[in-house]
C-alpha atoms as a PDB file:
ATOM      1  CA  MET A   1     -29.025   7.907 -64.761  1.00  0.00           C
ATOM      2  CA  HIS A   2     -27.308   6.618 -67.886  1.00  0.00           C
ATOM      3  CA  ARG A   3     -26.307   2.959 -67.565  1.00  0.00           C
ATOM      4  CA  SER A   4     -22.595   3.586 -68.345  1.00  0.00           C
ATOM      5  CA  LYS A   5     -22.408   6.378 -65.777  1.00  0.00           C
ATOM      6  CA  ALA A   6     -24.067   4.193 -63.160  1.00  0.00           C
ATOM      7  CA  LEU A   7     -21.571   1.425 -63.813  1.00  0.00           C
ATOM      8  CA  SER A   8     -18.687   3.884 -63.543  1.00  0.00           C
ATOM      9  CA  LEU A   9     -20.015   5.214 -60.246  1.00  0.00           C
ATOM     10  CA  ALA A  10     -20.421   1.704 -58.860  1.00  0.00           C
ATOM     11  CA  ALA A  11     -16.889   0.827 -59.934  1.00  0.00           C
ATOM     12  CA  ALA A  12     -15.519   3.952 -58.241  1.00  0.00           C
ATOM     13  CA  ILE A  13     -17.322   3.157 -54.987  1.00  0.00           C
ATOM     14  CA  ALA A  14     -16.049  -0.405 -55.075  1.00  0.00           C
ATOM     15  CA  ALA A  15     -12.487   0.779 -55.734  1.00  0.00           C
ATOM     16  CA  GLY A  16     -12.727   3.237 -52.854  1.00  0.00           C
ATOM     17  CA  ALA A  17     -13.937   0.516 -50.528  1.00  0.00           C
ATOM     18  CA  LEU A  18     -11.039  -1.711 -51.510  1.00  0.00           C
ATOM     19  CA  LEU A  19      -8.560   1.096 -50.926  1.00  0.00           C
ATOM     20  CA  SER A  20      -9.992   1.796 -47.475  1.00  0.00           C
ATOM     21  CA  LEU A  21      -9.652  -1.866 -46.572  1.00  0.00           C
ATOM     22  CA  ALA A  22      -6.094  -2.135 -47.880  1.00  0.00           C
ATOM     23  CA  PRO A  23      -4.349  -0.860 -44.707  1.00  0.00           C
ATOM     24  CA  VAL A  24      -6.411  -3.233 -42.570  1.00  0.00           C
ATOM     25  CA  ALA A  25      -5.576  -6.166 -44.799  1.00  0.00           C
ATOM     26  CA  ALA A  26      -1.910  -5.211 -44.852  1.00  0.00           C
ATOM     27  CA  GLN A  27      -1.855  -4.897 -41.079  1.00  0.00           C
ATOM     28  CA  ALA A  28      -3.456  -8.288 -40.623  1.00  0.00           C
ATOM     29  CA  GLN A  29      -1.034  -9.836 -43.065  1.00  0.00           C
ATOM     30  CA  GLY A  30       1.909  -8.145 -41.318  1.00  0.00           C
ATOM     31  CA  ALA A  31       0.846  -9.590 -37.987  1.00  0.00           C
ATOM     32  CA  GLY A  32       0.741 -13.079 -39.453  1.00  0.00           C
ATOM     33  CA  ASN A  33       4.056 -12.934 -41.324  1.00  0.00           C
ATOM     34  CA  TRP A  34       5.982 -10.781 -38.887  1.00  0.00           C
ATOM     35  CA  PRO A  35       8.882 -10.401 -39.075  1.00  0.00           C
ATOM     36  CA  ASP A  36       9.693 -10.750 -42.763  1.00  0.00           C
ATOM     37  CA  LYS A  37      12.507  -8.158 -42.779  1.00  0.00           C
ATOM     38  CA  PRO A  38      15.055  -6.722 -40.293  1.00  0.00           C
ATOM     39  CA  VAL A  39      13.744  -5.275 -37.020  1.00  0.00           C
ATOM     40  CA  ARG A  40      15.382  -2.263 -35.373  1.00  0.00           C
ATOM     41  CA  LEU A  41      15.894  -1.860 -31.612  1.00  0.00           C
ATOM     42  CA  VAL A  42      16.545   1.850 -30.994  1.00  0.00           C
ATOM     43  CA  LEU A  43      18.569   2.683 -27.859  1.00  0.00           C
ATOM     44  CA  PRO A  44      18.885   6.017 -26.012  1.00  0.00           C
ATOM     45  CA  TYR A  45      22.537   5.413 -25.071  1.00  0.00           C
ATOM     46  CA  PRO A  46      25.869   4.872 -26.855  1.00  0.00           C
ATOM     47  CA  PRO A  47      27.435   1.404 -27.102  1.00  0.00           C
ATOM     48  CA  GLY A  48      28.472  -0.072 -23.765  1.00  0.00           C
ATOM     49  CA  GLY A  49      26.563   0.105 -20.510  1.00  0.00           C
ATOM     50  CA  ASN A  50      23.528  -1.596 -19.079  1.00  0.00           C
ATOM     51  CA  VAL A  51      20.897  -0.977 -21.772  1.00  0.00           C
ATOM     52  CA  ASP A  52      23.261  -1.666 -24.665  1.00  0.00           C
ATOM     53  CA  GLY A  53      24.445  -4.920 -23.099  1.00  0.00           C
ATOM     54  CA  ALA A  54      20.881  -6.105 -22.523  1.00  0.00           C
ATOM     55  CA  ALA A  55      19.863  -5.166 -26.065  1.00  0.00           C
ATOM     56  CA  ARG A  56      22.709  -7.139 -27.612  1.00  0.00           C
ATOM     57  CA  ILE A  57      21.863 -10.242 -25.604  1.00  0.00           C
ATOM     58  CA  ILE A  58      18.211 -10.282 -26.658  1.00  0.00           C
ATOM     59  CA  SER A  59      18.904  -9.189 -30.238  1.00  0.00           C
ATOM     60  CA  ASP A  60      21.043 -12.293 -30.779  1.00  0.00           C
ATOM     61  CA  GLN A  61      18.351 -14.523 -29.305  1.00  0.00           C
ATOM     62  CA  LEU A  62      15.478 -12.888 -31.225  1.00  0.00           C
ATOM     63  CA  GLN A  63      17.409 -13.185 -34.477  1.00  0.00           C
ATOM     64  CA  ALA A  64      17.956 -16.894 -33.835  1.00  0.00           C
ATOM     65  CA  GLN A  65      14.274 -17.415 -33.054  1.00  0.00           C
ATOM     66  CA  PHE A  66      12.703 -15.374 -35.856  1.00  0.00           C
ATOM     67  CA  LYS A  67      15.376 -15.872 -38.559  1.00  0.00           C
ATOM     68  CA  GLN A  68      15.542 -12.124 -39.207  1.00  0.00           C
ATOM     69  CA  PRO A  69      18.155  -9.588 -38.092  1.00  0.00           C
ATOM     70  CA  PHE A  70      17.342  -7.612 -34.936  1.00  0.00           C
ATOM     71  CA  LEU A  71      19.580  -4.567 -35.296  1.00  0.00           C
ATOM     72  CA  VAL A  72      20.778  -2.488 -32.322  1.00  0.00           C
ATOM     73  CA  ASP A  73      20.592   1.201 -33.302  1.00  0.00           C
ATOM     74  CA  ASN A  74      22.233   3.555 -30.771  1.00  0.00           C
ATOM     75  CA  LYS A  75      20.771   7.082 -30.835  1.00  0.00           C
ATOM     76  CA  PRO A  76      22.107   8.824 -27.690  1.00  0.00           C
ATOM     77  CA  GLY A  77      21.449  12.383 -26.628  1.00  0.00           C
ATOM     78  CA  ALA A  78      19.126  14.728 -24.731  1.00  0.00           C
ATOM     79  CA  GLY A  79      18.534  12.282 -21.903  1.00  0.00           C
ATOM     80  CA  GLY A  80      17.109   9.710 -24.314  1.00  0.00           C
ATOM     81  CA  LEU A  81      14.642  12.085 -25.977  1.00  0.00           C
ATOM     82  CA  ILE A  82      16.268  11.710 -29.399  1.00  0.00           C
ATOM     83  CA  ALA A  83      15.781   7.945 -29.467  1.00  0.00           C
ATOM     84  CA  GLY A  84      12.370   8.051 -27.799  1.00  0.00           C
ATOM     85  CA  GLU A  85      10.974  10.668 -30.155  1.00  0.00           C
ATOM     86  CA  PHE A  86      12.344   8.776 -33.146  1.00  0.00           C
ATOM     87  CA  VAL A  87      10.470   5.622 -32.160  1.00  0.00           C
ATOM     88  CA  ALA A  88       7.315   7.507 -31.144  1.00  0.00           C
ATOM     89  CA  LYS A  89       7.131   8.907 -34.685  1.00  0.00           C
ATOM     90  CA  ALA A  90       8.083   5.652 -36.426  1.00  0.00           C
ATOM     91  CA  ALA A  91       5.582   3.624 -38.427  1.00  0.00           C
ATOM     92  CA  PRO A  92       3.718   1.275 -36.050  1.00  0.00           C
ATOM     93  CA  ASP A  93       4.415  -1.727 -38.249  1.00  0.00           C
ATOM     94  CA  GLY A  94       6.441  -3.862 -35.843  1.00  0.00           C
ATOM     95  CA  TYR A  95       9.852  -3.053 -37.298  1.00  0.00           C
ATOM     96  CA  THR A  96      10.983  -0.290 -34.912  1.00  0.00           C
ATOM     97  CA  PHE A  97      11.073  -0.644 -31.108  1.00  0.00           C
ATOM     98  CA  PHE A  98      12.400   1.448 -28.224  1.00  0.00           C
ATOM     99  CA  MET A  99      14.837  -0.455 -25.986  1.00  0.00           C
ATOM    100  CA  THR A 100      14.894   1.827 -22.986  1.00  0.00           C
ATOM    101  CA  ALA A 101      15.297   2.310 -19.228  1.00  0.00           C
ATOM    102  CA  ASN A 102      13.773   4.287 -16.355  1.00  0.00           C
ATOM    103  CA  GLY A 103      15.206   7.698 -17.187  1.00  0.00           C
ATOM    104  CA  PRO A 104      14.646   8.004 -20.930  1.00  0.00           C
ATOM    105  CA  LEU A 105      11.173   6.471 -20.851  1.00  0.00           C
ATOM    106  CA  LEU A 106       9.632   7.952 -17.711  1.00  0.00           C
ATOM    107  CA  PHE A 107      11.645  10.952 -16.553  1.00  0.00           C
ATOM    108  CA  SER A 108      13.306  12.809 -19.431  1.00  0.00           C
ATOM    109  CA  PRO A 109      10.206  14.552 -20.866  1.00  0.00           C
ATOM    110  CA  THR A 110       9.566  16.078 -17.422  1.00  0.00           C
ATOM    111  CA  ILE A 111      13.195  16.874 -16.639  1.00  0.00           C
ATOM    112  CA  PHE A 112      13.884  18.449 -20.041  1.00  0.00           C
ATOM    113  CA  LYS A 113      10.444  20.116 -20.045  1.00  0.00           C
ATOM    114  CA  ARG A 114       9.755  18.804 -23.542  1.00  0.00           C
ATOM    115  CA  ASP A 115       6.576  17.035 -24.560  1.00  0.00           C
ATOM    116  CA  ALA A 116       8.517  14.904 -27.027  1.00  0.00           C
ATOM    117  CA  TYR A 117       6.528  11.827 -26.025  1.00  0.00           C
ATOM    118  CA  ASP A 118       4.528  10.330 -23.198  1.00  0.00           C
ATOM    119  CA  TRP A 119       4.859   6.631 -22.517  1.00  0.00           C
ATOM    120  CA  ARG A 120       1.110   6.141 -22.109  1.00  0.00           C
ATOM    121  CA  ARG A 121       0.186   8.202 -25.153  1.00  0.00           C
ATOM    122  CA  ASP A 122       2.900   7.261 -27.625  1.00  0.00           C
ATOM    123  CA  PHE A 123       4.048   3.728 -26.800  1.00  0.00           C
ATOM    124  CA  VAL A 124       2.763   0.226 -26.160  1.00  0.00           C
ATOM    125  CA  PRO A 125       4.690  -1.758 -23.492  1.00  0.00           C
ATOM    126  CA  VAL A 126       5.968  -5.075 -24.841  1.00  0.00           C
ATOM    127  CA  SER A 127       8.019  -6.554 -21.986  1.00  0.00           C
ATOM    128  CA  SER A 128      10.592  -5.821 -19.347  1.00  0.00           C
ATOM    129  CA  VAL A 129      14.001  -7.341 -20.066  1.00  0.00           C
ATOM    130  CA  SER A 130      16.308  -6.886 -17.083  1.00  0.00           C
ATOM    131  CA  PHE A 131      16.552  -5.387 -13.600  1.00  0.00           C
ATOM    132  CA  THR A 132      19.750  -4.082 -12.011  1.00  0.00           C
ATOM    133  CA  PRO A 133      19.922  -3.019  -8.343  1.00  0.00           C
ATOM    134  CA  LEU A 134      22.039  -0.128  -7.113  1.00  0.00           C
ATOM    135  CA  VAL A 135      24.621   0.041  -4.341  1.00  0.00           C
ATOM    136  CA  LEU A 136      25.188   2.919  -1.937  1.00  0.00           C
ATOM    137  CA  GLN A 137      28.980   3.041  -1.688  1.00  0.00           C
ATOM    138  CA  VAL A 138      31.401   5.432   0.005  1.00  0.00           C
ATOM    139  CA  ASN A 139      35.038   6.255  -0.517  1.00  0.00           C
ATOM    140  CA  PRO A 140      37.033   4.200   2.038  1.00  0.00           C
ATOM    141  CA  SER A 141      38.645   7.373   3.401  1.00  0.00           C
ATOM    142  CA  THR A 142      35.293   8.429   4.869  1.00  0.00           C
ATOM    143  CA  PRO A 143      34.472   7.273   8.431  1.00  0.00           C
ATOM    144  CA  TYR A 144      31.082   5.769   7.516  1.00  0.00           C
ATOM    145  CA  LYS A 145      30.719   2.027   8.073  1.00  0.00           C
ATOM    146  CA  THR A 146      26.901   1.843   7.959  1.00  0.00           C
ATOM    147  CA  ILE A 147      24.129   3.708   6.204  1.00  0.00           C
ATOM    148  CA  GLY A 148      22.910   4.800   9.630  1.00  0.00           C
ATOM    149  CA  GLU A 149      26.180   6.630  10.247  1.00  0.00           C
ATOM    150  CA  LEU A 150      25.948   8.309   6.832  1.00  0.00           C
ATOM    151  CA  ILE A 151      22.371   9.430   7.458  1.00  0.00           C
ATOM    152  CA  GLU A 152      23.269  10.823  10.890  1.00  0.00           C
ATOM    153  CA  ALA A 153      26.079  12.828   9.330  1.00  0.00           C
ATOM    154  CA  GLY A 154      23.642  14.112   6.728  1.00  0.00           C
ATOM    155  CA  LYS A 155      21.281  15.351   9.435  1.00  0.00           C
ATOM    156  CA  LYS A 156      23.890  17.596  11.051  1.00  0.00           C
ATOM    157  CA  PRO A 157      23.468  21.290  10.183  1.00  0.00           C
ATOM    158  CA  GLY A 158      26.137  22.553   7.811  1.00  0.00           C
ATOM    159  CA  ASN A 159      27.430  19.081   6.966  1.00  0.00           C
ATOM    160  CA  LYS A 160      29.697  18.847   3.931  1.00  0.00           C
ATOM    161  CA  LEU A 161      28.605  15.468   2.571  1.00  0.00           C
ATOM    162  CA  THR A 162      28.791  15.164  -1.215  1.00  0.00           C
ATOM    163  CA  MET A 163      27.075  12.650  -3.496  1.00  0.00           C
ATOM    164  CA  ALA A 164      28.235  11.993  -7.073  1.00  0.00           C
ATOM    165  CA  SER A 165      25.464  11.790  -9.681  1.00  0.00           C
ATOM    166  CA  PRO A 166      25.955  10.699 -13.312  1.00  0.00           C
ATOM    167  CA  GLY A 167      23.347  13.276 -14.355  1.00  0.00           C
ATOM    168  CA  ALA A 168      20.185  15.035 -13.269  1.00  0.00           C
ATOM    169  CA  GLY A 169      17.180  12.729 -13.312  1.00  0.00           C
ATOM    170  CA  THR A 170      19.101   9.470 -13.581  1.00  0.00           C
ATOM    171  CA  GLN A 171      17.889   6.667 -11.346  1.00  0.00           C
ATOM    172  CA  ASN A 172      21.102   7.104  -9.349  1.00  0.00           C
ATOM    173  CA  HIS A 173      20.184  10.742  -8.671  1.00  0.00           C
ATOM    174  CA  LEU A 174      16.524  10.059  -7.897  1.00  0.00           C
ATOM    175  CA  VAL A 175      17.349   7.381  -5.311  1.00  0.00           C
ATOM    176  CA  SER A 176      19.459   9.979  -3.515  1.00  0.00           C
ATOM    177  CA  GLU A 177      16.599  12.497  -3.564  1.00  0.00           C
ATOM    178  CA  TYR A 178      14.171   9.849  -2.324  1.00  0.00           C
ATOM    179  CA  LEU A 179      16.476   8.902   0.539  1.00  0.00           C
ATOM    180  CA  GLN A 180      16.915  12.541   1.596  1.00  0.00           C
ATOM    181  CA  ARG A 181      13.153  13.038   1.610  1.00  0.00           C
ATOM    182  CA  ASP A 182      12.524   9.884   3.656  1.00  0.00           C
ATOM    183  CA  SER A 183      15.374  10.281   6.131  1.00  0.00           C
ATOM    184  CA  GLY A 184      15.498  14.025   6.717  1.00  0.00           C
ATOM    185  CA  ALA A 185      19.195  14.042   5.825  1.00  0.00           C
ATOM    186  CA  HIS A 186      20.712  16.443   3.307  1.00  0.00           C
ATOM    187  CA  TRP A 187      23.851  16.531   1.209  1.00  0.00           C
ATOM    188  CA  VAL A 188      25.263  18.314  -1.811  1.00  0.00           C
ATOM    189  CA  THR A 189      24.607  16.547  -5.113  1.00  0.00           C
ATOM    190  CA  VAL A 190      27.440  16.934  -7.609  1.00  0.00           C
ATOM    191  CA  HIS A 191      26.266  16.247 -11.157  1.00  0.00           C
ATOM    192  CA  TYR A 192      28.625  14.839 -13.767  1.00  0.00           C
ATOM    193  CA  LYS A 193      28.249  14.248 -17.482  1.00  0.00           C
ATOM    194  CA  GLY A 194      27.985  10.500 -17.230  1.00  0.00           C
ATOM    195  CA  ASN A 195      28.941   7.690 -14.902  1.00  0.00           C
ATOM    196  CA  ALA A 196      32.644   7.500 -15.736  1.00  0.00           C
ATOM    197  CA  PRO A 197      33.655  10.952 -14.407  1.00  0.00           C
ATOM    198  CA  ALA A 198      31.390  10.533 -11.365  1.00  0.00           C
ATOM    199  CA  THR A 199      33.074   7.225 -10.518  1.00  0.00           C
ATOM    200  CA  THR A 200      36.531   8.712 -11.096  1.00  0.00           C
ATOM    201  CA  ASP A 201      35.918  11.462  -8.538  1.00  0.00           C
ATOM    202  CA  LEU A 202      34.427   8.995  -6.038  1.00  0.00           C
ATOM    203  CA  LEU A 203      37.516   6.795  -6.315  1.00  0.00           C
ATOM    204  CA  GLY A 204      39.745   9.848  -6.010  1.00  0.00           C
ATOM    205  CA  GLY A 205      38.007  11.075  -2.872  1.00  0.00           C
ATOM    206  CA  GLN A 206      36.686  14.305  -4.398  1.00  0.00           C
ATOM    207  CA  VAL A 207      33.160  13.204  -3.361  1.00  0.00           C
ATOM    208  CA  ASP A 208      32.041  11.059  -0.432  1.00  0.00           C
ATOM    209  CA  PHE A 209      29.583   8.569  -1.892  1.00  0.00           C
ATOM    210  CA  ASN A 210      27.265   7.623  -4.736  1.00  0.00           C
ATOM    211  CA  PHE A 211      24.579   5.206  -5.812  1.00  0.00           C
ATOM    212  CA  ASP A 212      25.693   2.985  -8.666  1.00  0.00           C
ATOM    213  CA  GLN A 213      24.502  -0.091 -10.498  1.00  0.00           C
ATOM    214  CA  ILE A 214      25.976  -3.287  -9.049  1.00  0.00           C
ATOM    215  CA  SER A 215      27.332  -4.125 -12.502  1.00  0.00           C
ATOM    216  CA  VAL A 216      29.566  -1.019 -12.351  1.00  0.00           C
ATOM    217  CA  ALA A 217      30.282  -0.931  -8.623  1.00  0.00           C
ATOM    218  CA  GLN A 218      31.221  -4.551  -7.976  1.00  0.00           C
ATOM    219  CA  PRO A 219      34.810  -4.504  -9.334  1.00  0.00           C
ATOM    220  CA  PHE A 220      35.689  -1.442  -7.216  1.00  0.00           C
ATOM    221  CA  ILE A 221      34.101  -3.008  -4.125  1.00  0.00           C
ATOM    222  CA  GLN A 222      36.074  -6.219  -4.670  1.00  0.00           C
ATOM    223  CA  GLN A 223      39.298  -4.200  -5.022  1.00  0.00           C
ATOM    224  CA  GLY A 224      38.576  -2.313  -1.798  1.00  0.00           C
ATOM    225  CA  ARG A 225      38.398   1.002  -3.626  1.00  0.00           C
ATOM    226  CA  THR A 226      34.862   1.666  -2.377  1.00  0.00           C
ATOM    227  CA  ARG A 227      32.923   0.477   0.685  1.00  0.00           C
ATOM    228  CA  PRO A 228      29.305  -0.686   0.191  1.00  0.00           C
ATOM    229  CA  LEU A 229      26.779   0.356   2.842  1.00  0.00           C
ATOM    230  CA  ALA A 230      23.442  -0.792   1.385  1.00  0.00           C
ATOM    231  CA  VAL A 231      21.756  -2.145  -1.723  1.00  0.00           C
ATOM    232  CA  THR A 232      18.451  -1.020  -3.227  1.00  0.00           C
ATOM    233  CA  SER A 233      17.138  -4.480  -4.115  1.00  0.00           C
ATOM    234  CA  PRO A 234      14.247  -6.105  -2.182  1.00  0.00           C
ATOM    235  CA  GLN A 235      16.600  -8.871  -0.983  1.00  0.00           C
ATOM    236  CA  ARG A 236      20.329  -9.053  -0.359  1.00  0.00           C
ATOM    237  CA  LEU A 237      22.434  -9.664  -3.446  1.00  0.00           C
ATOM    238  CA  PRO A 238      24.382 -12.904  -3.899  1.00  0.00           C
ATOM    239  CA  GLN A 239      27.340 -10.785  -5.033  1.00  0.00           C
ATOM    240  CA  LEU A 240      27.255  -8.844  -1.723  1.00  0.00           C
ATOM    241  CA  PRO A 241      25.702 -11.180   0.848  1.00  0.00           C
ATOM    242  CA  ASP A 242      26.983  -9.168   3.837  1.00  0.00           C
ATOM    243  CA  VAL A 243      25.574  -5.828   2.633  1.00  0.00           C
ATOM    244  CA  PRO A 244      22.073  -5.022   3.978  1.00  0.00           C
ATOM    245  CA  THR A 245      19.193  -3.750   1.900  1.00  0.00           C
ATOM    246  CA  LEU A 246      17.735  -0.291   2.459  1.00  0.00           C
ATOM    247  CA  GLN A 247      14.648  -2.017   3.827  1.00  0.00           C
ATOM    248  CA  GLU A 248      16.742  -3.839   6.425  1.00  0.00           C
ATOM    249  CA  SER A 249      18.379  -0.517   7.253  1.00  0.00           C
ATOM    250  CA  GLY A 250      15.118   1.017   8.366  1.00  0.00           C
ATOM    251  CA  PHE A 251      13.615   2.308   5.122  1.00  0.00           C
ATOM    252  CA  LYS A 252      10.448   0.252   4.996  1.00  0.00           C
ATOM    253  CA  ASP A 253       9.130  -0.673   1.543  1.00  0.00           C
ATOM    254  CA  PHE A 254      12.039   1.139  -0.119  1.00  0.00           C
ATOM    255  CA  SER A 255      13.525  -0.737  -3.050  1.00  0.00           C
ATOM    256  CA  THR A 256      14.327   0.235  -6.591  1.00  0.00           C
ATOM    257  CA  GLU A 257      16.192  -1.157  -9.586  1.00  0.00           C
ATOM    258  CA  THR A 258      17.229   0.116 -12.975  1.00  0.00           C
ATOM    259  CA  PHE A 259      15.093  -1.682 -15.534  1.00  0.00           C
ATOM    260  CA  THR A 260      15.442  -2.199 -19.247  1.00  0.00           C
ATOM    261  CA  GLY A 261      12.419  -2.898 -21.404  1.00  0.00           C
ATOM    262  CA  LEU A 262      10.969  -2.862 -24.881  1.00  0.00           C
ATOM    263  CA  MET A 263       8.309  -0.433 -26.120  1.00  0.00           C
ATOM    264  CA  ALA A 264       6.494  -0.328 -29.466  1.00  0.00           C
ATOM    265  CA  PRO A 265       5.070   2.762 -31.189  1.00  0.00           C
ATOM    266  CA  LYS A 266       1.393   3.307 -30.414  1.00  0.00           C
ATOM    267  CA  GLY A 267      -0.751   1.569 -33.015  1.00  0.00           C
ATOM    268  CA  THR A 268       1.521  -1.440 -33.454  1.00  0.00           C
ATOM    269  CA  PRO A 269      -0.763  -4.456 -34.041  1.00  0.00           C
ATOM    270  CA  ASP A 270      -1.476  -6.300 -30.821  1.00  0.00           C
ATOM    271  CA  ALA A 271      -0.690  -9.611 -32.508  1.00  0.00           C
ATOM    272  CA  ILE A 272       2.901  -8.430 -33.091  1.00  0.00           C
ATOM    273  CA  VAL A 273       3.235  -7.056 -29.563  1.00  0.00           C
ATOM    274  CA  GLN A 274       2.026 -10.344 -28.086  1.00  0.00           C
ATOM    275  CA  LYS A 275       4.210 -12.422 -30.391  1.00  0.00           C
ATOM    276  CA  LEU A 276       7.338 -10.486 -29.427  1.00  0.00           C
ATOM    277  CA  SER A 277       6.438 -10.467 -25.737  1.00  0.00           C
ATOM    278  CA  GLN A 278       5.940 -14.227 -25.702  1.00  0.00           C
ATOM    279  CA  ALA A 279       9.266 -14.714 -27.467  1.00  0.00           C
ATOM    280  CA  LEU A 280      11.012 -12.601 -24.823  1.00  0.00           C
ATOM    281  CA  GLN A 281       9.373 -14.547 -22.003  1.00  0.00           C
ATOM    282  CA  LYS A 282      10.777 -17.752 -23.468  1.00  0.00           C
ATOM    283  CA  ILE A 283      14.219 -16.253 -24.134  1.00  0.00           C
ATOM    284  CA  LEU A 284      14.593 -14.640 -20.700  1.00  0.00           C
ATOM    285  CA  ALA A 285      13.596 -17.861 -18.941  1.00  0.00           C
ATOM    286  CA  ASP A 286      16.516 -19.691 -20.546  1.00  0.00           C
ATOM    287  CA  LYS A 287      19.250 -20.494 -18.016  1.00  0.00           C
ATOM    288  CA  THR A 288      22.068 -19.656 -20.423  1.00  0.00           C
ATOM    289  CA  VAL A 289      20.577 -16.245 -21.166  1.00  0.00           C
ATOM    290  CA  GLN A 290      20.004 -15.601 -17.468  1.00  0.00           C
ATOM    291  CA  GLU A 291      23.652 -16.345 -16.804  1.00  0.00           C
ATOM    292  CA  ARG A 292      24.698 -13.791 -19.447  1.00  0.00           C
ATOM    293  CA  PHE A 293      22.655 -11.169 -17.609  1.00  0.00           C
ATOM    294  CA  ASN A 294      24.096 -12.286 -14.263  1.00  0.00           C
ATOM    295  CA  VAL A 295      27.555 -11.511 -15.620  1.00  0.00           C
ATOM    296  CA  LEU A 296      26.326  -7.947 -16.206  1.00  0.00           C
ATOM    297  CA  GLY A 297      25.043  -7.796 -12.623  1.00  0.00           C
ATOM    298  CA  SER A 298      21.452  -7.893 -13.841  1.00  0.00           C
ATOM    299  CA  GLN A 299      18.498 -10.228 -13.497  1.00  0.00           C
ATOM    300  CA  ALA A 300      16.662 -11.258 -16.651  1.00  0.00           C
ATOM    301  CA  ARG A 301      12.941 -10.940 -16.049  1.00  0.00           C
ATOM    302  CA  ALA A 302      10.131 -10.688 -18.598  1.00  0.00           C
ATOM    303  CA  MET A 303       6.635  -9.323 -18.052  1.00  0.00           C
ATOM    304  CA  THR A 304       3.516  -9.567 -20.159  1.00  0.00           C
ATOM    305  CA  PRO A 305       2.395  -6.287 -21.803  1.00  0.00           C
ATOM    306  CA  ALA A 306      -0.278  -5.892 -19.116  1.00  0.00           C
ATOM    307  CA  GLU A 307       2.181  -6.556 -16.278  1.00  0.00           C
ATOM    308  CA  PHE A 308       4.759  -4.193 -17.737  1.00  0.00           C
ATOM    309  CA  THR A 309       2.122  -1.459 -18.131  1.00  0.00           C
ATOM    310  CA  GLN A 310       1.132  -1.852 -14.487  1.00  0.00           C
ATOM    311  CA  PHE A 311       4.780  -1.735 -13.410  1.00  0.00           C
ATOM    312  CA  LEU A 312       5.474   1.433 -15.436  1.00  0.00           C
ATOM    313  CA  ASP A 313       2.385   3.123 -14.042  1.00  0.00           C
ATOM    314  CA  LYS A 314       3.574   2.426 -10.495  1.00  0.00           C
ATOM    315  CA  GLU A 315       7.085   3.712 -11.244  1.00  0.00           C
ATOM    316  CA  ASP A 316       5.697   6.841 -12.890  1.00  0.00           C
ATOM    317  CA  LYS A 317       3.498   7.664  -9.894  1.00  0.00           C
ATOM    318  CA  ARG A 318       6.386   7.049  -7.535  1.00  0.00           C
ATOM    319  CA  TRP A 319       9.161   9.082  -9.163  1.00  0.00           C
ATOM    320  CA  ILE A 320       7.563  11.958 -11.104  1.00  0.00           C
ATOM    321  CA  PRO A 321       6.379  13.684  -7.882  1.00  0.00           C
ATOM    322  CA  ILE A 322       9.945  13.474  -6.540  1.00  0.00           C
ATOM    323  CA  ILE A 323      11.296  15.081  -9.722  1.00  0.00           C
ATOM    324  CA  LYS A 324       8.813  17.921  -9.412  1.00  0.00           C
ATOM    325  CA  GLN A 325       9.237  18.354  -5.663  1.00  0.00           C
ATOM    326  CA  ALA A 326      13.039  18.516  -5.958  1.00  0.00           C
ATOM    327  CA  ASN A 327      12.718  20.762  -9.039  1.00  0.00           C
ATOM    328  CA  ILE A 328      15.029  18.484 -11.012  1.00  0.00           C
ATOM    329  CA  THR A 329      15.547  19.971 -14.457  1.00  0.00           C
ATOM    330  CA  ALA A 330      18.076  19.849 -17.278  1.00  0.00           C
ATOM    331  CA  GLN A 331      17.268  23.412 -18.301  1.00  0.00           C
END
């Protein structure tokens, strides 16, 4: 081969090798310098509410720690699929994360019968952020003083019990389905387009009871506009010390909470995932931050990526069969 051609070929091979290494080098550099520009936290809900409140607490703290903006980007719609799919398709460079909850992350693809994403396939768990228990509450005009009385009424043939749901496949709805399956009771589930109209009809006596997050239910309980019968947390709540848990009420091992957590697109460098997870563990252990979550009726609690993965796997195996068995669908 002619010497000049050989040199040209060698140069081309060397250039190709450098180009193939460029993404790896860039990724390694990004992990070391991250973040060096604004980071986006994409939410599946509009402003206000449990997930949005949690996101705004941690975004302030992350911005203070990393000296870069952490922007809350609300992308509601389709049970969270719009936000989830957006993040699943985002560049895995550590600058777009999914700030989500039970329904949008675990349930919506099944309920909407759309393979928009799968949490195992398309995301990397970073950390849990907060946990909010639910309250089973009735309208005070009903005769039920205990959950036992409510369940007995639900076991009577032809009963006319009604339960208000903020939407098919929400945690509020699934707890109701779980309780019916475990107790043998039955009632009519009335679905609403969101929590506000469901709560309005509960307060007005158009429906008998609902399951709601303590953060939403507590003011109405304090005003005597609803009567709490049980809470879904593992232990009694300090806000409602006289209200028994479902476990105390005879439903062994039954507890559930609405969680919020942070997910990264699959392929995000592990160094970034670990760095963000460790930052959240430090932030969520801070007493001042914990108090801000307490005001929302939530408990701040971080998990490592491995712990959060294990938790999500358990939740998935627990609730997806219930969704399928009850034929819960948004179609």
